[in-house]
Amino acid sequence: AAGSGRSDDLRNRRVTWPWAWAATQLPPHRFAQLQQRSRESNAGLGGFRSLADHLAAASVMCGRAAINERLDRAARRVSAVADRRRSGPLAAVTGALRCDRGTRDRQNQRHAGAAPQTTEAAL
């Protein structure tokens, strides 16, 4: 997510999935440093955006895996009870929602001759 919305949860001290994912991915002392930065980030939006960037970097791979697993599980559930003709559209939707979509988009741009774009959505 981009812009001020990315920092809103931090500014309002809401617990979110990136915190849970970072807790599983970082050494305890590094996670404690992020928590301390959160407590100290009262001096303007820039501090929260920087913290959001660090939190995203720490949790991106775990988050992608969790989201993709949920999508795969939903597709399997539907496929188990629906015929292929009816479950095909869901597979297309879940495939488009997968978090590795940004990687595919950059590959498609390279194949089409366009310059790859780096966006926060690719996280």
Protein backbone atom coordinates (compact mmCIF):
# COMPACT_ATOMS: atom_id res chain seq x y z
CA ALA A 1 0.00 0.00 0.00
CA ALA A 2 1.18 3.47 -0.70
CA GLY A 3 0.84 6.87 0.90
CA SER A 4 -0.48 7.88 4.27
CA GLY A 5 -2.73 4.81 4.54
CA ARG A 6 0.39 2.71 4.85
CA SER A 7 1.26 4.50 8.08
CA ASP A 8 -2.24 4.84 9.52
CA ASP A 9 -2.18 1.54 11.42
CA LEU A 10 1.22 2.42 12.88
CA ARG A 11 0.17 5.93 13.86
CA ASN A 12 -2.96 4.56 15.57
CA ARG A 13 -1.03 1.70 17.23
CA ARG A 14 -3.14 -1.05 15.65
CA VAL A 15 -1.81 -4.60 15.62
CA THR A 16 -1.70 -5.92 12.05
CA TRP A 17 -0.54 -9.02 10.21
CA PRO A 18 2.83 -7.49 9.25
CA TRP A 19 3.69 -7.28 12.96
CA ALA A 20 2.81 -10.95 13.46
CA TRP A 21 4.76 -11.98 10.37
CA ALA A 22 7.78 -9.87 11.34
CA ALA A 23 7.75 -11.46 14.80
CA THR A 24 8.19 -14.88 13.20
CA GLN A 25 10.88 -13.75 10.76
CA LEU A 26 13.15 -11.48 12.77
CA PRO A 27 15.55 -12.28 15.60
CA PRO A 28 13.99 -11.21 18.92
CA HIS A 29 16.35 -8.25 19.38
CA ARG A 30 15.56 -6.88 15.90
CA PHE A 31 11.82 -7.23 16.45
CA ALA A 32 12.21 -5.42 19.79
CA GLN A 33 13.97 -2.60 17.93
CA LEU A 34 10.99 -2.23 15.59
CA GLN A 35 8.63 -2.16 18.57
CA GLN A 36 10.77 0.53 20.20
CA ARG A 37 10.74 2.59 16.99
CA SER A 38 6.95 2.30 16.95
CA ARG A 39 6.71 3.64 20.49
CA GLU A 40 9.06 6.51 19.68
CA SER A 41 7.54 7.47 16.29
CA ASN A 42 5.61 10.55 17.26
CA ALA A 43 7.61 13.08 15.28
CA GLY A 44 5.70 13.35 12.02
CA LEU A 45 4.59 11.06 9.25
CA GLY A 46 8.13 10.47 7.93
CA GLY A 47 9.05 8.36 10.96
CA PHE A 48 6.01 6.17 10.49
CA ARG A 49 6.65 5.73 6.78
CA SER A 50 10.21 4.66 7.49
CA LEU A 51 8.97 2.21 10.12
CA ALA A 52 6.34 0.92 7.65
CA ASP A 53 9.08 0.31 5.08
CA HIS A 54 11.16 -1.66 7.58
CA LEU A 55 8.14 -3.64 8.78
CA ALA A 56 7.16 -4.46 5.19
CA ALA A 57 10.68 -5.60 4.35
CA ALA A 58 10.74 -7.86 7.40
CA SER A 59 7.37 -9.45 6.71
CA VAL A 60 6.96 -9.49 2.93
CA MET A 61 7.96 -13.09 2.23
CA CYS A 62 5.97 -14.54 5.13
CA GLY A 63 2.99 -12.40 4.16
CA ARG A 64 3.11 -13.50 0.53
CA ALA A 65 3.27 -17.14 1.56
CA ALA A 66 0.33 -16.79 3.96
CA ILE A 67 -1.85 -14.99 1.42
CA ASN A 68 -1.02 -17.44 -1.36
CA GLU A 69 -1.75 -20.40 0.92
CA ARG A 70 -5.19 -19.02 1.75
CA LEU A 71 -5.95 -18.50 -1.94
CA ASP A 72 -4.75 -22.00 -2.81
CA ARG A 73 -6.81 -23.51 0.01
CA ALA A 74 -9.94 -21.70 -1.19
CA ALA A 75 -9.41 -22.89 -4.75
CA ARG A 76 -8.91 -26.49 -3.56
CA ARG A 77 -12.12 -26.36 -1.50
CA VAL A 78 -14.17 -25.17 -4.45
CA SER A 79 -12.53 -27.65 -6.82
CA ALA A 80 -13.42 -30.48 -4.43
CA VAL A 81 -17.14 -29.75 -4.67
CA ALA A 82 -17.54 -28.19 -8.14
CA ASP A 83 -16.93 -29.48 -11.61
CA ARG A 84 -13.99 -28.15 -13.64
CA ARG A 85 -16.21 -25.83 -15.71
CA ARG A 86 -17.45 -24.07 -12.57
CA SER A 87 -14.17 -24.01 -10.65
CA GLY A 88 -12.11 -22.66 -13.58
CA PRO A 89 -13.18 -19.03 -13.09
CA LEU A 90 -12.23 -19.18 -9.40
CA ALA A 91 -8.81 -20.54 -10.32
CA ALA A 92 -8.36 -17.58 -12.68
CA VAL A 93 -9.36 -15.10 -9.97
CA THR A 94 -7.18 -16.64 -7.27
CA GLY A 95 -4.30 -16.80 -9.72
CA ALA A 96 -4.67 -13.09 -10.43
CA LEU A 97 -4.77 -12.32 -6.70
CA ARG A 98 -1.64 -14.27 -5.84
CA CYS A 99 1.07 -12.12 -4.29
CA ASP A 100 3.64 -13.19 -6.86
CA ARG A 101 1.57 -11.30 -9.45
CA GLY A 102 4.03 -8.37 -9.37
CA THR A 103 6.81 -10.71 -10.46
CA ARG A 104 4.71 -11.97 -13.37
CA ASP A 105 3.81 -8.38 -14.33
CA ARG A 106 7.50 -7.40 -14.48
CA GLN A 107 8.29 -10.50 -16.55
CA ASN A 108 5.45 -9.68 -18.97
CA GLN A 109 6.73 -6.11 -19.30
CA ARG A 110 10.22 -7.36 -20.16
CA HIS A 111 8.81 -9.74 -22.78
CA ALA A 112 6.73 -6.93 -24.25
CA GLY A 113 9.78 -4.65 -24.39
CA ALA A 114 8.56 -2.26 -21.70
CA ALA A 115 10.80 -1.10 -18.90
CA PRO A 116 9.98 -2.88 -15.62
CA GLN A 117 8.31 -0.73 -13.00
CA THR A 118 8.98 -1.04 -9.32
CA THR A 119 5.95 -0.38 -7.15
CA GLU A 120 5.11 -0.80 -3.52
CA ALA A 121 2.25 -3.08 -4.61
CA ALA A 122 4.87 -5.62 -5.73
CA LEU A 123 5.72 -6.10 -2.06
